Structures are given as structure tokens and as C-alpha cells.
Amino acid sequence: FGHLGDGNIHYNVAQPVGADKTEFLGHWSEINAAVFAVVAKYGGSISAEHGIGVMKRDLLPKVKDPVAYDLMCTLKRALDPKGILNPGKVL
């Protein structure tokens, strides 16, 4: 998925046909953690041009350099001191 030619591989975890939705969603975080571990091992990124949203917000401080993460948070606060633009997002 995505634009592989420039190194941006996007993936989606799809529920298998006939699988129980609740059971599948119970494994969703585990599947993503396994994918992100491989991404980190090879120096990849958990996000590219679209930024970080709610689903990856808690993972970002674990995979980003602390200085880079702090800079993102500082920029967000400077541009949106009241937290009304894209609420709950890092940047």
C-alpha cells in the first residue's frame, strides 16, 4: 500500500473474512506493536507525510528522539495554545 517507490509503505490490518470482530480487535494493538518493532529495528518511521493522529499518539514518544518529540509538542502549543486546532493530536 502507499507509494512504495519513494519508500513510504502503508499497511492496513484487515479483519479476516468470518473472524469475530471483537476477537480480531483484541489483537489489533499486538499486531501493530509487532509491525512497529520491525519498523524501529530498520530505522523506519511510524508515520510520514500525514503526521501523527490519535491512534499513534501514545507510541510517538517511544520511537522519536526526545528532543524531536519535545519540539513537536512545543510547536503545537505555540501554534495552538488553546488546543482547538486538531484537538488531541501531537502536531
Protein backbone atom coordinates (compact mmCIF):
# COMPACT_ATOMS: atom_id res chain seq x y z
CA PHE A 1 0.00 0.00 0.00
CA GLY A 2 1.04 3.62 -0.29
CA HIS A 3 3.76 4.93 -2.53
CA LEU A 4 6.42 2.25 -2.36
CA GLY A 5 8.58 3.97 -4.98
CA ASP A 6 9.61 6.71 -2.56
CA GLY A 7 9.94 4.40 0.43
CA ASN A 8 6.56 5.05 2.05
CA ILE A 9 4.90 1.71 2.62
CA HIS A 10 1.47 2.00 4.21
CA TYR A 11 -0.27 -1.04 5.61
CA ASN A 12 -3.69 -1.91 6.90
CA VAL A 13 -4.57 -4.81 9.16
CA ALA A 14 -7.78 -6.30 7.79
CA GLN A 15 -10.18 -8.50 9.68
CA PRO A 16 -10.21 -11.96 8.09
CA VAL A 17 -13.49 -13.00 6.50
CA GLY A 18 -15.57 -14.86 9.05
CA ALA A 19 -13.45 -13.75 12.02
CA ASP A 20 -15.13 -12.43 15.14
CA LYS A 21 -14.78 -8.64 15.16
CA THR A 22 -14.28 -8.33 18.92
CA GLU A 23 -11.62 -11.04 18.97
CA PHE A 24 -9.87 -9.50 15.96
CA LEU A 25 -9.82 -6.03 17.52
CA GLY A 26 -8.42 -7.58 20.69
CA HIS A 27 -5.28 -8.46 18.70
CA TRP A 28 -5.04 -5.17 16.81
CA SER A 29 -2.61 -3.48 19.23
CA GLU A 30 -0.46 -6.60 19.39
CA ILE A 31 -0.24 -6.77 15.58
CA ASN A 32 0.67 -3.09 15.30
CA ALA A 33 3.30 -3.41 18.03
CA ALA A 34 4.94 -6.23 16.07
CA VAL A 35 4.95 -4.16 12.87
CA PHE A 36 6.30 -1.07 14.65
CA ALA A 37 9.08 -3.16 16.24
CA VAL A 38 10.29 -4.15 12.77
CA VAL A 39 9.98 -0.55 11.58
CA ALA A 40 12.10 0.67 14.52
CA LYS A 41 14.67 -2.09 14.01
CA TYR A 42 15.34 -0.85 10.48
CA GLY A 43 15.24 2.87 11.31
CA GLY A 44 11.86 3.49 9.74
CA SER A 45 9.10 5.83 10.79
CA ILE A 46 5.63 5.08 12.14
CA SER A 47 4.25 7.99 10.15
CA ALA A 48 5.20 10.04 7.14
CA GLU A 49 3.62 12.99 5.43
CA HIS A 50 0.28 12.84 7.24
CA GLY A 51 1.58 13.34 10.77
CA ILE A 52 0.52 11.64 13.98
CA GLY A 53 -3.08 11.24 14.97
CA VAL A 54 -4.91 9.72 17.89
CA MET A 55 -4.09 6.10 17.01
CA LYS A 56 -0.31 6.57 17.14
CA ARG A 57 -0.08 9.46 19.59
CA ASP A 58 0.94 7.32 22.57
CA LEU A 59 3.54 5.44 20.53
CA LEU A 60 5.33 8.54 19.26
CA PRO A 61 7.38 9.31 22.41
CA LYS A 62 8.63 5.71 22.37
CA VAL A 63 10.00 5.88 18.83
CA LYS A 64 11.06 9.52 18.41
CA ASP A 65 14.14 11.19 19.75
CA PRO A 66 13.09 13.02 22.97
CA VAL A 67 14.33 16.36 21.62
CA ALA A 68 12.37 15.93 18.37
CA TYR A 69 9.24 14.91 20.28
CA ASP A 70 9.54 17.90 22.62
CA LEU A 71 9.97 20.20 19.62
CA MET A 72 6.77 18.82 18.05
CA CYS A 73 4.84 19.42 21.27
CA THR A 74 6.32 22.91 21.65
CA LEU A 75 5.35 23.82 18.07
CA LYS A 76 1.82 22.52 18.61
CA ARG A 77 1.44 24.60 21.79
CA ALA A 78 2.89 27.70 20.07
CA LEU A 79 0.57 27.41 17.06
CA ASP A 80 -2.46 26.24 19.03
CA PRO A 81 -2.20 27.46 22.65
CA LYS A 82 -5.89 26.76 23.34
CA GLY A 83 -5.79 23.25 21.83
CA ILE A 84 -8.68 23.94 19.47
CA LEU A 85 -6.97 23.06 16.18
CA ASN A 86 -6.95 19.31 15.65
CA PRO A 87 -7.68 18.55 19.33
CA GLY A 88 -5.84 15.58 20.76
CA LYS A 89 -3.23 15.49 18.01
CA VAL A 90 0.51 15.96 18.58
CA LEU A 91 1.11 18.19 15.56
